[in-house]
Amino acid sequence: MAKKLYRSTADKKLLGVCGGVAAYFGIDATIIRLAWAVITLFSVGAGLLAYILAALILPDDPGYTDVG
């Protein structure tokens, strides 16, 4: 079964994009968030545009249910 990229519904601070990318690659979400922030700063906002586009395109994680 192929891995798919989803927005995280469990590990999210804003919209779950960084949490989903981190889960896809199997690394800590904090590393992705820091890297995304640095890219956004040095690319004069292109990282923010990429984040918004990813939030609009990526579906929510279908395997997560919030019980409680």
C-alpha atoms as a PDB file:
ATOM      1  CA  MET A   1       0.000   0.000   0.000  1.00  0.00           C
ATOM      2  CA  ALA A   2       1.397   3.383  -0.996  1.00  0.00           C
ATOM      3  CA  LYS A   3       1.844   6.141   1.542  1.00  0.00           C
ATOM      4  CA  LYS A   4      -0.330   9.194   1.022  1.00  0.00           C
ATOM      5  CA  LEU A   5       0.174  12.738   2.184  1.00  0.00           C
ATOM      6  CA  TYR A   6      -2.594  14.116   4.400  1.00  0.00           C
ATOM      7  CA  ARG A   7      -3.077  17.113   6.665  1.00  0.00           C
ATOM      8  CA  SER A   8      -2.667  15.938  10.227  1.00  0.00           C
ATOM      9  CA  THR A   9      -5.701  16.156  12.467  1.00  0.00           C
ATOM     10  CA  ALA A  10      -3.797  14.987  15.547  1.00  0.00           C
ATOM     11  CA  ASP A  11      -0.527  16.952  15.316  1.00  0.00           C
ATOM     12  CA  LYS A  12      -1.513  20.412  14.156  1.00  0.00           C
ATOM     13  CA  LYS A  13      -0.821  23.955  15.247  1.00  0.00           C
ATOM     14  CA  LEU A  14      -2.598  25.851  12.458  1.00  0.00           C
ATOM     15  CA  LEU A  15      -3.995  23.694   9.679  1.00  0.00           C
ATOM     16  CA  GLY A  16      -2.026  20.451  10.058  1.00  0.00           C
ATOM     17  CA  VAL A  17       0.175  20.745   6.973  1.00  0.00           C
ATOM     18  CA  CYS A  18       3.523  20.480   8.797  1.00  0.00           C
ATOM     19  CA  GLY A  19       2.235  17.640  10.980  1.00  0.00           C
ATOM     20  CA  GLY A  20       1.110  15.759   7.890  1.00  0.00           C
ATOM     21  CA  VAL A  21       4.417  16.290   6.090  1.00  0.00           C
ATOM     22  CA  ALA A  22       6.282  15.127   9.193  1.00  0.00           C
ATOM     23  CA  ALA A  23       4.134  11.996   9.469  1.00  0.00           C
ATOM     24  CA  TYR A  24       4.680  11.242   5.766  1.00  0.00           C
ATOM     25  CA  PHE A  25       8.473  11.415   6.115  1.00  0.00           C
ATOM     26  CA  GLY A  26       8.562   9.903   9.613  1.00  0.00           C
ATOM     27  CA  ILE A  27      10.322  12.796  11.351  1.00  0.00           C
ATOM     28  CA  ASP A  28       9.455  15.210  14.154  1.00  0.00           C
ATOM     29  CA  ALA A  29       6.924  17.902  13.223  1.00  0.00           C
ATOM     30  CA  THR A  30       8.972  20.562  15.023  1.00  0.00           C
ATOM     31  CA  ILE A  31      11.781  20.122  12.498  1.00  0.00           C
ATOM     32  CA  ILE A  32       9.337  20.607   9.614  1.00  0.00           C
ATOM     33  CA  ARG A  33       7.807  23.680  11.287  1.00  0.00           C
ATOM     34  CA  LEU A  34      11.219  25.279  11.847  1.00  0.00           C
ATOM     35  CA  ALA A  35      12.355  24.514   8.304  1.00  0.00           C
ATOM     36  CA  TRP A  36       9.110  25.902   6.889  1.00  0.00           C
ATOM     37  CA  ALA A  37       9.523  29.099   8.936  1.00  0.00           C
ATOM     38  CA  VAL A  38      13.100  29.575   7.703  1.00  0.00           C
ATOM     39  CA  ILE A  39      12.051  28.968   4.098  1.00  0.00           C
ATOM     40  CA  THR A  40       9.228  31.482   4.489  1.00  0.00           C
ATOM     41  CA  LEU A  41      11.588  34.112   5.892  1.00  0.00           C
ATOM     42  CA  PHE A  42      14.236  33.683   3.217  1.00  0.00           C
ATOM     43  CA  SER A  43      11.840  33.332   0.291  1.00  0.00           C
ATOM     44  CA  VAL A  44      10.007  36.591   1.007  1.00  0.00           C
ATOM     45  CA  GLY A  45       6.741  34.826   1.800  1.00  0.00           C
ATOM     46  CA  ALA A  46       6.704  32.062  -0.808  1.00  0.00           C
ATOM     47  CA  GLY A  47       6.660  29.508   2.006  1.00  0.00           C
ATOM     48  CA  LEU A  48       3.450  31.052   3.333  1.00  0.00           C
ATOM     49  CA  LEU A  49       1.839  30.784  -0.089  1.00  0.00           C
ATOM     50  CA  ALA A  50       2.970  27.142  -0.341  1.00  0.00           C
ATOM     51  CA  TYR A  51       1.501  26.438   3.125  1.00  0.00           C
ATOM     52  CA  ILE A  52      -1.860  27.944   2.180  1.00  0.00           C
ATOM     53  CA  LEU A  53      -1.955  26.006  -1.101  1.00  0.00           C
ATOM     54  CA  ALA A  54      -1.049  22.772   0.679  1.00  0.00           C
ATOM     55  CA  ALA A  55      -3.781  23.385   3.252  1.00  0.00           C
ATOM     56  CA  LEU A  56      -6.308  23.822   0.465  1.00  0.00           C
ATOM     57  CA  ILE A  57      -5.151  20.828  -1.601  1.00  0.00           C
ATOM     58  CA  LEU A  58      -4.321  18.167   0.997  1.00  0.00           C
ATOM     59  CA  PRO A  59      -7.226  16.196   2.466  1.00  0.00           C
ATOM     60  CA  ASP A  60      -7.619  15.576   6.207  1.00  0.00           C
ATOM     61  CA  ASP A  61      -6.189  12.360   7.630  1.00  0.00           C
ATOM     62  CA  PRO A  62      -9.025   9.811   7.314  1.00  0.00           C
ATOM     63  CA  GLY A  63      -7.514   7.390   9.839  1.00  0.00           C
ATOM     64  CA  TYR A  64      -7.755   9.645  12.901  1.00  0.00           C
ATOM     65  CA  THR A  65     -10.741   9.747  15.205  1.00  0.00           C
ATOM     66  CA  ASP A  66     -10.886  12.015  18.228  1.00  0.00           C
ATOM     67  CA  VAL A  67     -12.481  10.079  21.070  1.00  0.00           C
ATOM     68  CA  GLY A  68     -12.928  11.997  24.257  1.00  0.00           C
END
